[in-house]
Amino acid sequence: MTKTPDTAYFRVRPVGVVNSTLKRRKECPRQGREGAPDAWLEIYPEYAEALEGIGPGSEILVLTWLHLATRDVLKVHPRGNPDNPLRGVFATRSPSRPNPVGLHRVRVLAVEEVTRIRVGPLEVLDGTPVIDIKPAFHRANRKDDDEPAISSPQARSMESRST
C-alpha cells in the first residue's frame, strides 16, 4: 500500500505572474488554439537563472495556478455544455478541480530583460500565478531520451558546444 504523506498540503511558490490582455474569466477561450492572445510571463528576479536556455522559437509548458477556480467541483459538463454528459474533472481540462493547476503549451516569441518572456497563445487571466516552466517535447523528434523542443539558434549553439 502506498504511504500517504504526513501533511495534507504542499507548499507551491509562484515563480512569476502572467501579464495578459484577458481581464475577465468570460474573455478566456477554453484552449489557447481557440483565439487566445499572446501574453507576457513576468518571472521574479530570483528565478532569472532558471530561464537560461529558453529563447525565441522554443516551445515550453507553462504551469499556472488557476487562482479563481472553484476547488470543490468533482464533475463537470465538458466545455461547460450541459448537453455533454457529466464527467469527472480528472477526465477534462476544466479549471475547476481540487488543485487548479493549468498546463499550457506555448511558443516563446520574445525574451526581454532576462525575466520577461512573450509567449503565445495563452488562455489565462492577467495576474495568474506561474508555478513552473518546462520544455515541451516534439512528438516527431522524440527519442528514447526525449529531445526538448528548442529553437534553431539554441540547437546550433548546442551542436557547436558538443563538437
C-alpha atoms as a PDB file:
ATOM      1  CA  MET A   1       0.000   0.000   0.000  1.00  0.00           C
ATOM      2  CA  THR A   2       1.265   3.481  -0.846  1.00  0.00           C
ATOM      3  CA  LYS A   3       2.010   5.624   2.160  1.00  0.00           C
ATOM      4  CA  THR A   4       0.156   8.948   2.235  1.00  0.00           C
ATOM      5  CA  PRO A   5       2.336  11.982   3.012  1.00  0.00           C
ATOM      6  CA  ASP A   6       2.083  13.119   6.623  1.00  0.00           C
ATOM      7  CA  THR A   7       0.883  16.542   5.589  1.00  0.00           C
ATOM      8  CA  ALA A   8      -2.307  17.178   3.617  1.00  0.00           C
ATOM      9  CA  TYR A   9      -0.876  20.291   1.981  1.00  0.00           C
ATOM     10  CA  PHE A  10       2.127  21.032  -0.150  1.00  0.00           C
ATOM     11  CA  ARG A  11       3.718  24.428  -0.489  1.00  0.00           C
ATOM     12  CA  VAL A  12       3.914  25.771  -4.045  1.00  0.00           C
ATOM     13  CA  ARG A  13       5.697  29.074  -4.603  1.00  0.00           C
ATOM     14  CA  PRO A  14       4.915  31.153  -7.681  1.00  0.00           C
ATOM     15  CA  VAL A  15       7.921  31.862  -9.894  1.00  0.00           C
ATOM     16  CA  GLY A  16       6.174  34.699 -11.703  1.00  0.00           C
ATOM     17  CA  VAL A  17       2.901  36.064 -12.979  1.00  0.00           C
ATOM     18  CA  VAL A  18       1.069  36.314 -16.311  1.00  0.00           C
ATOM     19  CA  ASN A  19       0.598  39.763 -17.847  1.00  0.00           C
ATOM     20  CA  SER A  20      -2.305  39.380 -20.299  1.00  0.00           C
ATOM     21  CA  THR A  21      -4.975  41.399 -22.062  1.00  0.00           C
ATOM     22  CA  LEU A  22      -7.523  38.898 -20.677  1.00  0.00           C
ATOM     23  CA  LYS A  23      -9.025  40.607 -17.631  1.00  0.00           C
ATOM     24  CA  ARG A  24     -12.275  38.654 -17.005  1.00  0.00           C
ATOM     25  CA  ARG A  25     -12.946  34.907 -16.943  1.00  0.00           C
ATOM     26  CA  LYS A  26     -15.627  35.162 -19.628  1.00  0.00           C
ATOM     27  CA  GLU A  27     -12.982  36.571 -22.027  1.00  0.00           C
ATOM     28  CA  CYS A  28     -10.801  33.457 -21.770  1.00  0.00           C
ATOM     29  CA  PRO A  29     -11.061  30.904 -24.570  1.00  0.00           C
ATOM     30  CA  ARG A  30     -11.263  27.301 -23.376  1.00  0.00           C
ATOM     31  CA  GLN A  31      -7.980  26.433 -25.121  1.00  0.00           C
ATOM     32  CA  GLY A  32      -5.107  28.561 -26.403  1.00  0.00           C
ATOM     33  CA  ARG A  33      -5.676  27.493 -30.001  1.00  0.00           C
ATOM     34  CA  GLU A  34      -9.224  28.899 -29.818  1.00  0.00           C
ATOM     35  CA  GLY A  35      -8.205  32.535 -30.151  1.00  0.00           C
ATOM     36  CA  ALA A  36      -6.115  33.208 -27.060  1.00  0.00           C
ATOM     37  CA  PRO A  37      -3.821  36.226 -27.240  1.00  0.00           C
ATOM     38  CA  ASP A  38      -0.091  36.373 -26.689  1.00  0.00           C
ATOM     39  CA  ALA A  39       0.912  37.256 -23.132  1.00  0.00           C
ATOM     40  CA  TRP A  40       3.984  38.094 -21.083  1.00  0.00           C
ATOM     41  CA  LEU A  41       5.365  35.878 -18.356  1.00  0.00           C
ATOM     42  CA  GLU A  42       6.887  38.165 -15.737  1.00  0.00           C
ATOM     43  CA  ILE A  43       9.329  35.901 -13.906  1.00  0.00           C
ATOM     44  CA  TYR A  44      10.535  37.031 -10.491  1.00  0.00           C
ATOM     45  CA  PRO A  45      14.206  38.130 -10.460  1.00  0.00           C
ATOM     46  CA  GLU A  46      15.286  35.396  -8.031  1.00  0.00           C
ATOM     47  CA  TYR A  47      14.409  32.828 -10.727  1.00  0.00           C
ATOM     48  CA  ALA A  48      16.201  34.571 -13.623  1.00  0.00           C
ATOM     49  CA  GLU A  49      18.980  31.958 -13.823  1.00  0.00           C
ATOM     50  CA  ALA A  50      16.383  29.207 -14.242  1.00  0.00           C
ATOM     51  CA  LEU A  51      15.411  30.728 -17.615  1.00  0.00           C
ATOM     52  CA  GLU A  52      18.814  30.082 -19.198  1.00  0.00           C
ATOM     53  CA  GLY A  53      18.315  28.130 -22.417  1.00  0.00           C
ATOM     54  CA  ILE A  54      14.841  29.476 -23.174  1.00  0.00           C
ATOM     55  CA  GLY A  55      14.704  31.711 -26.227  1.00  0.00           C
ATOM     56  CA  PRO A  56      12.519  32.770 -29.136  1.00  0.00           C
ATOM     57  CA  GLY A  57      11.226  29.761 -31.019  1.00  0.00           C
ATOM     58  CA  SER A  58      11.297  27.450 -28.002  1.00  0.00           C
ATOM     59  CA  GLU A  59       8.142  25.593 -27.090  1.00  0.00           C
ATOM     60  CA  ILE A  60       7.518  25.420 -23.374  1.00  0.00           C
ATOM     61  CA  LEU A  61       4.915  24.136 -20.972  1.00  0.00           C
ATOM     62  CA  VAL A  62       3.761  26.815 -18.569  1.00  0.00           C
ATOM     63  CA  LEU A  63       2.173  25.576 -15.363  1.00  0.00           C
ATOM     64  CA  THR A  64      -0.136  28.084 -13.734  1.00  0.00           C
ATOM     65  CA  TRP A  65      -2.195  28.206 -10.569  1.00  0.00           C
ATOM     66  CA  LEU A  66      -5.763  28.967 -11.667  1.00  0.00           C
ATOM     67  CA  HIS A  67      -6.350  31.092  -8.588  1.00  0.00           C
ATOM     68  CA  LEU A  68     -10.010  31.949  -9.313  1.00  0.00           C
ATOM     69  CA  ALA A  69     -11.098  28.346  -9.945  1.00  0.00           C
ATOM     70  CA  THR A  70     -13.604  26.540  -7.757  1.00  0.00           C
ATOM     71  CA  ARG A  71     -11.804  23.773  -5.862  1.00  0.00           C
ATOM     72  CA  ASP A  72     -14.719  21.659  -4.625  1.00  0.00           C
ATOM     73  CA  VAL A  73     -16.058  20.586  -8.038  1.00  0.00           C
ATOM     74  CA  LEU A  74     -15.546  16.922  -8.932  1.00  0.00           C
ATOM     75  CA  LYS A  75     -17.773  16.587 -12.016  1.00  0.00           C
ATOM     76  CA  VAL A  76     -18.471  18.965 -14.885  1.00  0.00           C
ATOM     77  CA  HIS A  77     -20.180  19.079 -18.239  1.00  0.00           C
ATOM     78  CA  PRO A  78     -17.175  19.189 -20.635  1.00  0.00           C
ATOM     79  CA  ARG A  79     -16.646  22.614 -22.218  1.00  0.00           C
ATOM     80  CA  GLY A  80     -19.427  23.972 -19.993  1.00  0.00           C
ATOM     81  CA  ASN A  81     -22.037  22.483 -22.329  1.00  0.00           C
ATOM     82  CA  PRO A  82     -24.989  20.942 -20.436  1.00  0.00           C
ATOM     83  CA  ASP A  83     -25.658  18.703 -23.465  1.00  0.00           C
ATOM     84  CA  ASN A  84     -22.383  16.913 -22.715  1.00  0.00           C
ATOM     85  CA  PRO A  85     -22.706  14.190 -20.054  1.00  0.00           C
ATOM     86  CA  LEU A  86     -21.135  14.845 -16.668  1.00  0.00           C
ATOM     87  CA  ARG A  87     -17.535  13.663 -16.347  1.00  0.00           C
ATOM     88  CA  GLY A  88     -15.025  13.639 -13.540  1.00  0.00           C
ATOM     89  CA  VAL A  89     -12.774  16.709 -13.637  1.00  0.00           C
ATOM     90  CA  PHE A  90      -9.690  14.498 -13.967  1.00  0.00           C
ATOM     91  CA  ALA A  91     -11.039  13.457 -17.380  1.00  0.00           C
ATOM     92  CA  THR A  92     -11.444  17.077 -18.526  1.00  0.00           C
ATOM     93  CA  ARG A  93      -9.461  20.299 -18.941  1.00  0.00           C
ATOM     94  CA  SER A  94     -11.807  22.178 -16.592  1.00  0.00           C
ATOM     95  CA  PRO A  95     -10.109  24.837 -14.455  1.00  0.00           C
ATOM     96  CA  SER A  96     -12.416  23.834 -11.573  1.00  0.00           C
ATOM     97  CA  ARG A  97     -10.692  20.967  -9.757  1.00  0.00           C
ATOM     98  CA  PRO A  98      -9.203  20.116  -6.354  1.00  0.00           C
ATOM     99  CA  ASN A  99      -5.778  21.530  -7.325  1.00  0.00           C
ATOM    100  CA  PRO A 100      -6.308  24.066 -10.101  1.00  0.00           C
ATOM    101  CA  VAL A 101      -3.037  23.630 -11.974  1.00  0.00           C
ATOM    102  CA  GLY A 102      -3.165  24.909 -15.543  1.00  0.00           C
ATOM    103  CA  LEU A 103      -0.974  23.345 -18.229  1.00  0.00           C
ATOM    104  CA  HIS A 104      -0.309  25.458 -21.323  1.00  0.00           C
ATOM    105  CA  ARG A 105       1.860  24.588 -24.326  1.00  0.00           C
ATOM    106  CA  VAL A 106       3.098  27.863 -25.810  1.00  0.00           C
ATOM    107  CA  ARG A 107       5.795  29.166 -28.135  1.00  0.00           C
ATOM    108  CA  VAL A 108       8.326  31.698 -26.874  1.00  0.00           C
ATOM    109  CA  LEU A 109       8.057  34.772 -29.088  1.00  0.00           C
ATOM    110  CA  ALA A 110      10.495  37.115 -27.352  1.00  0.00           C
ATOM    111  CA  VAL A 111      12.645  37.473 -24.255  1.00  0.00           C
ATOM    112  CA  GLU A 112      13.234  40.910 -22.740  1.00  0.00           C
ATOM    113  CA  GLU A 113      15.193  41.987 -19.694  1.00  0.00           C
ATOM    114  CA  VAL A 114      16.030  38.352 -18.875  1.00  0.00           C
ATOM    115  CA  THR A 115      12.823  37.825 -16.856  1.00  0.00           C
ATOM    116  CA  ARG A 116      10.114  38.893 -19.339  1.00  0.00           C
ATOM    117  CA  ILE A 117       9.042  36.227 -21.821  1.00  0.00           C
ATOM    118  CA  ARG A 118       6.434  36.850 -24.510  1.00  0.00           C
ATOM    119  CA  VAL A 119       4.544  33.639 -25.264  1.00  0.00           C
ATOM    120  CA  GLY A 120       1.513  32.652 -27.231  1.00  0.00           C
ATOM    121  CA  PRO A 121      -1.153  31.721 -27.342  1.00  0.00           C
ATOM    122  CA  LEU A 122      -2.021  31.716 -23.621  1.00  0.00           C
ATOM    123  CA  GLU A 123      -5.609  31.452 -22.388  1.00  0.00           C
ATOM    124  CA  VAL A 124      -5.275  32.662 -18.789  1.00  0.00           C
ATOM    125  CA  LEU A 125      -6.198  35.829 -16.954  1.00  0.00           C
ATOM    126  CA  ASP A 126      -3.921  38.739 -16.226  1.00  0.00           C
ATOM    127  CA  GLY A 127      -2.394  38.187 -12.786  1.00  0.00           C
ATOM    128  CA  THR A 128      -2.467  34.378 -12.905  1.00  0.00           C
ATOM    129  CA  PRO A 129       0.468  32.957 -10.934  1.00  0.00           C
ATOM    130  CA  VAL A 130       3.088  30.975 -12.872  1.00  0.00           C
ATOM    131  CA  ILE A 131       4.236  27.999 -10.793  1.00  0.00           C
ATOM    132  CA  ASP A 132       6.678  26.328 -13.187  1.00  0.00           C
ATOM    133  CA  ILE A 133       8.031  26.219 -16.738  1.00  0.00           C
ATOM    134  CA  LYS A 134       9.233  23.089 -18.520  1.00  0.00           C
ATOM    135  CA  PRO A 135      10.491  22.395 -22.037  1.00  0.00           C
ATOM    136  CA  ALA A 136       7.954  20.866 -24.410  1.00  0.00           C
ATOM    137  CA  PHE A 137       8.875  17.818 -26.457  1.00  0.00           C
ATOM    138  CA  HIS A 138       8.140  17.343 -30.148  1.00  0.00           C
ATOM    139  CA  ARG A 139       6.405  14.041 -30.777  1.00  0.00           C
ATOM    140  CA  ALA A 140       8.070  13.670 -34.189  1.00  0.00           C
ATOM    141  CA  ASN A 141      11.527  14.259 -32.710  1.00  0.00           C
ATOM    142  CA  ARG A 142      11.131  12.066 -29.638  1.00  0.00           C
ATOM    143  CA  LYS A 143      13.947   9.682 -28.893  1.00  0.00           C
ATOM    144  CA  ASP A 144      14.370   7.335 -26.017  1.00  0.00           C
ATOM    145  CA  ASP A 145      15.921  10.163 -24.014  1.00  0.00           C
ATOM    146  CA  ASP A 146      13.303  12.806 -25.062  1.00  0.00           C
ATOM    147  CA  GLU A 147      14.541  15.737 -27.076  1.00  0.00           C
ATOM    148  CA  PRO A 148      13.313  19.162 -25.914  1.00  0.00           C
ATOM    149  CA  ALA A 149      11.609  21.429 -28.419  1.00  0.00           C
ATOM    150  CA  ILE A 150      14.290  24.110 -28.544  1.00  0.00           C
ATOM    151  CA  SER A 151      14.752  26.883 -31.048  1.00  0.00           C
ATOM    152  CA  SER A 152      17.061  26.533 -34.056  1.00  0.00           C
ATOM    153  CA  PRO A 153      19.653  29.005 -32.685  1.00  0.00           C
ATOM    154  CA  GLN A 154      19.720  27.012 -29.462  1.00  0.00           C
ATOM    155  CA  ALA A 155      20.164  23.774 -31.393  1.00  0.00           C
ATOM    156  CA  ARG A 156      23.096  25.257 -33.353  1.00  0.00           C
ATOM    157  CA  SER A 157      24.626  26.516 -30.121  1.00  0.00           C
ATOM    158  CA  MET A 158      24.308  23.085 -28.527  1.00  0.00           C
ATOM    159  CA  GLU A 159      25.803  21.392 -31.617  1.00  0.00           C
ATOM    160  CA  SER A 160      28.804  23.736 -31.630  1.00  0.00           C
ATOM    161  CA  ARG A 161      29.466  23.026 -27.941  1.00  0.00           C
ATOM    162  CA  SER A 162      29.311  19.277 -28.408  1.00  0.00           C
ATOM    163  CA  THR A 163      31.852  19.150 -31.263  1.00  0.00           C
END
